[in-house]
């Protein structure tokens, strides 16, 4: 059967607790959870690539002074936890549960979860808005899509560096700056 011409046959289906079912690519991203969202490591895969399979390569790319890795349920993986521990990092990832946890660490995990939810999802929205990718990127195939998306991440990082070196407000006015370039 021949797929419709608008479908990128290298992409795949995935289901997100946040977005539901979707078809396409997945941007795996390690991002700072602070007042300024800075991408620290990134990879693009077909949407069905498991987060815990890609996460180790992202963790290995992080600067050594990053001590805490915040992730959702899909990052709560024994192999990833062991990698983080071997590097002196702490993996804080939500766990599947139907009951509310009341152990002494629960308030700390809740705080970190709020930090994560205020960084990664908003950054994804900002990133899509900056490059006007509401529906899909303007290319097809894994290699081309990876090239354009990861290049956009690099461009975003370079804009932050440009703003920093010129003592400009970090993260502000990025879209007009990119349009003027």
C-alpha atoms as a PDB file:
ATOM      1  CA  UNK A   1       0.000   0.000   0.000  1.00  0.00           C
ATOM      2  CA  UNK A   2       1.384   3.418  -0.948  1.00  0.00           C
ATOM      3  CA  UNK A   3       1.271   5.976   1.904  1.00  0.00           C
ATOM      4  CA  UNK A   4      -0.181   9.419   1.331  1.00  0.00           C
ATOM      5  CA  UNK A   5       2.402  11.777  -0.184  1.00  0.00           C
ATOM      6  CA  UNK A   6       2.308  14.140   2.817  1.00  0.00           C
ATOM      7  CA  UNK A   7       3.374  11.418   5.257  1.00  0.00           C
ATOM      8  CA  UNK A   8       7.031  11.052   6.137  1.00  0.00           C
ATOM      9  CA  UNK A   9       7.405   7.278   6.084  1.00  0.00           C
ATOM     10  CA  UNK A  10      10.512   7.357   8.335  1.00  0.00           C
ATOM     11  CA  UNK A  11       8.518   8.912  11.193  1.00  0.00           C
ATOM     12  CA  UNK A  12       6.424   6.870  13.641  1.00  0.00           C
ATOM     13  CA  UNK A  13       3.486   6.995  16.056  1.00  0.00           C
ATOM     14  CA  UNK A  14       3.808   7.672  19.767  1.00  0.00           C
ATOM     15  CA  UNK A  15       1.505   8.421  22.667  1.00  0.00           C
ATOM     16  CA  UNK A  16       2.143  11.170  25.179  1.00  0.00           C
ATOM     17  CA  UNK A  17       0.358  11.685  28.455  1.00  0.00           C
ATOM     18  CA  UNK A  18       0.524  15.409  27.668  1.00  0.00           C
ATOM     19  CA  UNK A  19      -0.405  15.434  23.947  1.00  0.00           C
ATOM     20  CA  UNK A  20      -2.118  12.063  23.292  1.00  0.00           C
ATOM     21  CA  UNK A  21      -1.422  10.125  20.081  1.00  0.00           C
ATOM     22  CA  UNK A  22       0.742  11.829  17.446  1.00  0.00           C
ATOM     23  CA  UNK A  23       2.804  10.945  14.385  1.00  0.00           C
ATOM     24  CA  UNK A  24       6.247  12.299  13.616  1.00  0.00           C
ATOM     25  CA  UNK A  25       9.523  12.925  15.390  1.00  0.00           C
ATOM     26  CA  UNK A  26      10.561  13.289  19.003  1.00  0.00           C
ATOM     27  CA  UNK A  27      13.032  15.871  20.238  1.00  0.00           C
ATOM     28  CA  UNK A  28      14.817  14.422  23.269  1.00  0.00           C
ATOM     29  CA  UNK A  29      16.148  17.375  25.175  1.00  0.00           C
ATOM     30  CA  UNK A  30      18.149  18.033  28.327  1.00  0.00           C
ATOM     31  CA  UNK A  31      17.377  21.595  29.309  1.00  0.00           C
ATOM     32  CA  UNK A  32      18.251  23.762  32.303  1.00  0.00           C
ATOM     33  CA  UNK A  33      15.436  24.139  34.831  1.00  0.00           C
ATOM     34  CA  UNK A  34      16.036  27.766  35.777  1.00  0.00           C
ATOM     35  CA  UNK A  35      14.839  31.259  34.970  1.00  0.00           C
ATOM     36  CA  UNK A  36      16.444  30.855  31.524  1.00  0.00           C
ATOM     37  CA  UNK A  37      15.876  27.685  29.523  1.00  0.00           C
ATOM     38  CA  UNK A  38      19.135  26.564  27.971  1.00  0.00           C
ATOM     39  CA  UNK A  39      19.309  23.363  25.917  1.00  0.00           C
ATOM     40  CA  UNK A  40      22.309  21.372  27.164  1.00  0.00           C
ATOM     41  CA  UNK A  41      21.986  18.223  25.027  1.00  0.00           C
ATOM     42  CA  UNK A  42      19.577  17.142  22.291  1.00  0.00           C
ATOM     43  CA  UNK A  43      18.740  14.301  19.904  1.00  0.00           C
ATOM     44  CA  UNK A  44      15.956  13.796  17.394  1.00  0.00           C
ATOM     45  CA  UNK A  45      14.487  10.349  16.729  1.00  0.00           C
ATOM     46  CA  UNK A  46      11.317   8.832  15.291  1.00  0.00           C
ATOM     47  CA  UNK A  47       8.471   9.362  17.766  1.00  0.00           C
ATOM     48  CA  UNK A  48       8.393   5.733  18.886  1.00  0.00           C
ATOM     49  CA  UNK A  49      11.967   5.795  20.227  1.00  0.00           C
ATOM     50  CA  UNK A  50      11.784   5.266  23.994  1.00  0.00           C
ATOM     51  CA  UNK A  51      12.993   8.144  26.166  1.00  0.00           C
ATOM     52  CA  UNK A  52      14.970   5.846  28.459  1.00  0.00           C
ATOM     53  CA  UNK A  53      16.917   4.470  25.461  1.00  0.00           C
ATOM     54  CA  UNK A  54      18.044   7.940  24.336  1.00  0.00           C
ATOM     55  CA  UNK A  55      18.528   9.487  27.787  1.00  0.00           C
ATOM     56  CA  UNK A  56      21.946   7.892  28.514  1.00  0.00           C
ATOM     57  CA  UNK A  57      23.528   9.632  25.513  1.00  0.00           C
ATOM     58  CA  UNK A  58      22.060  12.958  26.664  1.00  0.00           C
ATOM     59  CA  UNK A  59      23.294  12.476  30.240  1.00  0.00           C
ATOM     60  CA  UNK A  60      26.819  11.729  28.985  1.00  0.00           C
ATOM     61  CA  UNK A  61      26.822  15.092  27.151  1.00  0.00           C
ATOM     62  CA  UNK A  62      25.873  17.156  30.199  1.00  0.00           C
ATOM     63  CA  UNK A  63      28.466  19.303  31.950  1.00  0.00           C
ATOM     64  CA  UNK A  64      29.916  17.550  34.994  1.00  0.00           C
ATOM     65  CA  UNK A  65      28.577  20.193  37.407  1.00  0.00           C
ATOM     66  CA  UNK A  66      24.969  19.196  36.583  1.00  0.00           C
ATOM     67  CA  UNK A  67      24.046  17.218  39.704  1.00  0.00           C
ATOM     68  CA  UNK A  68      20.296  16.682  39.342  1.00  0.00           C
ATOM     69  CA  UNK A  69      18.547  15.100  36.371  1.00  0.00           C
ATOM     70  CA  UNK A  70      14.796  15.685  36.378  1.00  0.00           C
ATOM     71  CA  UNK A  71      12.574  13.458  34.274  1.00  0.00           C
ATOM     72  CA  UNK A  72       9.099  12.084  33.904  1.00  0.00           C
ATOM     73  CA  UNK A  73       8.062   8.473  34.407  1.00  0.00           C
ATOM     74  CA  UNK A  74       9.774   7.261  31.223  1.00  0.00           C
ATOM     75  CA  UNK A  75      13.173   8.230  32.641  1.00  0.00           C
ATOM     76  CA  UNK A  76      12.658   6.177  35.793  1.00  0.00           C
ATOM     77  CA  UNK A  77      14.861   3.393  34.449  1.00  0.00           C
ATOM     78  CA  UNK A  78      17.364   1.270  36.427  1.00  0.00           C
ATOM     79  CA  UNK A  79      20.112   1.556  33.782  1.00  0.00           C
ATOM     80  CA  UNK A  80      19.734   5.354  33.589  1.00  0.00           C
ATOM     81  CA  UNK A  81      19.701   5.593  37.388  1.00  0.00           C
ATOM     82  CA  UNK A  82      22.922   3.549  37.550  1.00  0.00           C
ATOM     83  CA  UNK A  83      24.585   5.777  34.912  1.00  0.00           C
ATOM     84  CA  UNK A  84      23.622   8.909  36.844  1.00  0.00           C
ATOM     85  CA  UNK A  85      24.925   7.445  40.113  1.00  0.00           C
ATOM     86  CA  UNK A  86      28.215   6.456  38.461  1.00  0.00           C
ATOM     87  CA  UNK A  87      28.669  10.116  37.451  1.00  0.00           C
ATOM     88  CA  UNK A  88      27.725  11.482  40.875  1.00  0.00           C
ATOM     89  CA  UNK A  89      24.329  12.718  39.668  1.00  0.00           C
ATOM     90  CA  UNK A  90      20.876  12.256  41.146  1.00  0.00           C
ATOM     91  CA  UNK A  91      18.039  11.068  38.894  1.00  0.00           C
ATOM     92  CA  UNK A  92      14.715  12.410  40.100  1.00  0.00           C
ATOM     93  CA  UNK A  93      11.922  10.917  38.038  1.00  0.00           C
ATOM     94  CA  UNK A  94       8.228  10.488  38.709  1.00  0.00           C
ATOM     95  CA  UNK A  95       6.939   7.007  39.413  1.00  0.00           C
ATOM     96  CA  UNK A  96       3.699   5.394  38.297  1.00  0.00           C
ATOM     97  CA  UNK A  97       1.390   5.155  41.269  1.00  0.00           C
ATOM     98  CA  UNK A  98      -2.307   5.331  42.003  1.00  0.00           C
ATOM     99  CA  UNK A  99      -1.797   6.490  45.591  1.00  0.00           C
ATOM    100  CA  UNK A 100      -0.268   9.659  46.921  1.00  0.00           C
ATOM    101  CA  UNK A 101       3.213   9.183  48.333  1.00  0.00           C
ATOM    102  CA  UNK A 102       3.833  10.417  51.853  1.00  0.00           C
ATOM    103  CA  UNK A 103       7.439   9.353  52.442  1.00  0.00           C
ATOM    104  CA  UNK A 104       9.943  12.012  53.624  1.00  0.00           C
ATOM    105  CA  UNK A 105      11.250  12.565  50.059  1.00  0.00           C
ATOM    106  CA  UNK A 106       7.819  13.240  48.524  1.00  0.00           C
ATOM    107  CA  UNK A 107       7.834  17.062  48.972  1.00  0.00           C
ATOM    108  CA  UNK A 108      11.301  17.303  47.396  1.00  0.00           C
ATOM    109  CA  UNK A 109      10.246  15.175  44.397  1.00  0.00           C
ATOM    110  CA  UNK A 110       7.124  17.310  43.996  1.00  0.00           C
ATOM    111  CA  UNK A 111       9.247  20.479  43.974  1.00  0.00           C
ATOM    112  CA  UNK A 112      11.586  19.035  41.335  1.00  0.00           C
ATOM    113  CA  UNK A 113       8.614  17.857  39.255  1.00  0.00           C
ATOM    114  CA  UNK A 114       7.186  21.388  39.279  1.00  0.00           C
ATOM    115  CA  UNK A 115      10.592  22.738  38.182  1.00  0.00           C
ATOM    116  CA  UNK A 116      10.748  20.225  35.329  1.00  0.00           C
ATOM    117  CA  UNK A 117       7.210  20.935  34.180  1.00  0.00           C
ATOM    118  CA  UNK A 118       8.007  24.671  34.179  1.00  0.00           C
ATOM    119  CA  UNK A 119      11.071  24.206  31.986  1.00  0.00           C
ATOM    120  CA  UNK A 120      10.834  21.454  29.396  1.00  0.00           C
ATOM    121  CA  UNK A 121       7.228  21.857  28.186  1.00  0.00           C
ATOM    122  CA  UNK A 122       7.429  25.677  28.039  1.00  0.00           C
ATOM    123  CA  UNK A 123      10.786  25.436  26.238  1.00  0.00           C
ATOM    124  CA  UNK A 124       9.275  23.087  23.643  1.00  0.00           C
ATOM    125  CA  UNK A 125       6.479  25.619  23.088  1.00  0.00           C
ATOM    126  CA  UNK A 126       8.946  28.505  22.841  1.00  0.00           C
ATOM    127  CA  UNK A 127      11.159  26.564  20.446  1.00  0.00           C
ATOM    128  CA  UNK A 128       8.263  25.651  18.124  1.00  0.00           C
ATOM    129  CA  UNK A 129       7.056  29.261  18.210  1.00  0.00           C
ATOM    130  CA  UNK A 130      10.500  30.730  17.437  1.00  0.00           C
ATOM    131  CA  UNK A 131      10.894  28.599  14.338  1.00  0.00           C
ATOM    132  CA  UNK A 132       7.159  28.557  13.496  1.00  0.00           C
ATOM    133  CA  UNK A 133       6.863  24.775  13.575  1.00  0.00           C
ATOM    134  CA  UNK A 134       3.303  24.484  14.840  1.00  0.00           C
ATOM    135  CA  UNK A 135       2.475  21.438  12.764  1.00  0.00           C
ATOM    136  CA  UNK A 136       5.638  20.034  11.177  1.00  0.00           C
ATOM    137  CA  UNK A 137       9.157  20.905  10.139  1.00  0.00           C
ATOM    138  CA  UNK A 138       9.536  21.891   6.476  1.00  0.00           C
ATOM    139  CA  UNK A 139      11.536  18.795   5.465  1.00  0.00           C
ATOM    140  CA  UNK A 140      11.130  15.005   5.387  1.00  0.00           C
ATOM    141  CA  UNK A 141      13.389  12.074   6.337  1.00  0.00           C
ATOM    142  CA  UNK A 142      15.160  11.457   9.622  1.00  0.00           C
ATOM    143  CA  UNK A 143      18.518  12.862   8.476  1.00  0.00           C
ATOM    144  CA  UNK A 144      17.071  16.117   7.101  1.00  0.00           C
ATOM    145  CA  UNK A 145      14.712  16.624  10.022  1.00  0.00           C
ATOM    146  CA  UNK A 146      17.495  15.926  12.535  1.00  0.00           C
ATOM    147  CA  UNK A 147      19.767  18.387  10.708  1.00  0.00           C
ATOM    148  CA  UNK A 148      17.252  21.226  10.701  1.00  0.00           C
ATOM    149  CA  UNK A 149      15.968  20.710  14.269  1.00  0.00           C
ATOM    150  CA  UNK A 150      19.369  20.240  15.906  1.00  0.00           C
ATOM    151  CA  UNK A 151      20.733  23.179  13.891  1.00  0.00           C
ATOM    152  CA  UNK A 152      17.876  25.275  15.265  1.00  0.00           C
ATOM    153  CA  UNK A 153      18.854  24.219  18.806  1.00  0.00           C
ATOM    154  CA  UNK A 154      22.432  25.322  18.075  1.00  0.00           C
ATOM    155  CA  UNK A 155      21.192  28.611  16.634  1.00  0.00           C
ATOM    156  CA  UNK A 156      19.132  29.238  19.769  1.00  0.00           C
ATOM    157  CA  UNK A 157      22.229  28.562  21.918  1.00  0.00           C
ATOM    158  CA  UNK A 158      24.306  30.932  19.757  1.00  0.00           C
ATOM    159  CA  UNK A 159      21.698  33.691  20.144  1.00  0.00           C
ATOM    160  CA  UNK A 160      21.872  33.291  23.932  1.00  0.00           C
ATOM    161  CA  UNK A 161      25.677  33.513  23.761  1.00  0.00           C
ATOM    162  CA  UNK A 162      25.411  36.614  21.530  1.00  0.00           C
ATOM    163  CA  UNK A 163      23.031  38.251  24.025  1.00  0.00           C
ATOM    164  CA  UNK A 164      25.276  37.326  26.960  1.00  0.00           C
ATOM    165  CA  UNK A 165      28.429  38.725  25.347  1.00  0.00           C
ATOM    166  CA  UNK A 166      26.670  42.009  24.568  1.00  0.00           C
ATOM    167  CA  UNK A 167      25.069  42.347  28.014  1.00  0.00           C
ATOM    168  CA  UNK A 168      21.573  42.137  26.519  1.00  0.00           C
ATOM    169  CA  UNK A 169      18.600  40.595  28.313  1.00  0.00           C
ATOM    170  CA  UNK A 170      18.976  36.840  27.880  1.00  0.00           C
ATOM    171  CA  UNK A 171      16.180  35.072  26.046  1.00  0.00           C
ATOM    172  CA  UNK A 172      14.325  38.265  25.124  1.00  0.00           C
ATOM    173  CA  UNK A 173      13.641  39.408  21.574  1.00  0.00           C
ATOM    174  CA  UNK A 174      14.998  36.224  19.999  1.00  0.00           C
ATOM    175  CA  UNK A 175      12.349  35.970  17.276  1.00  0.00           C
ATOM    176  CA  UNK A 176      12.892  39.532  15.920  1.00  0.00           C
ATOM    177  CA  UNK A 177      16.663  38.980  16.094  1.00  0.00           C
ATOM    178  CA  UNK A 178      16.357  35.769  14.047  1.00  0.00           C
ATOM    179  CA  UNK A 179      14.073  37.444  11.495  1.00  0.00           C
ATOM    180  CA  UNK A 180      16.530  40.304  11.077  1.00  0.00           C
ATOM    181  CA  UNK A 181      19.480  37.975  10.535  1.00  0.00           C
END
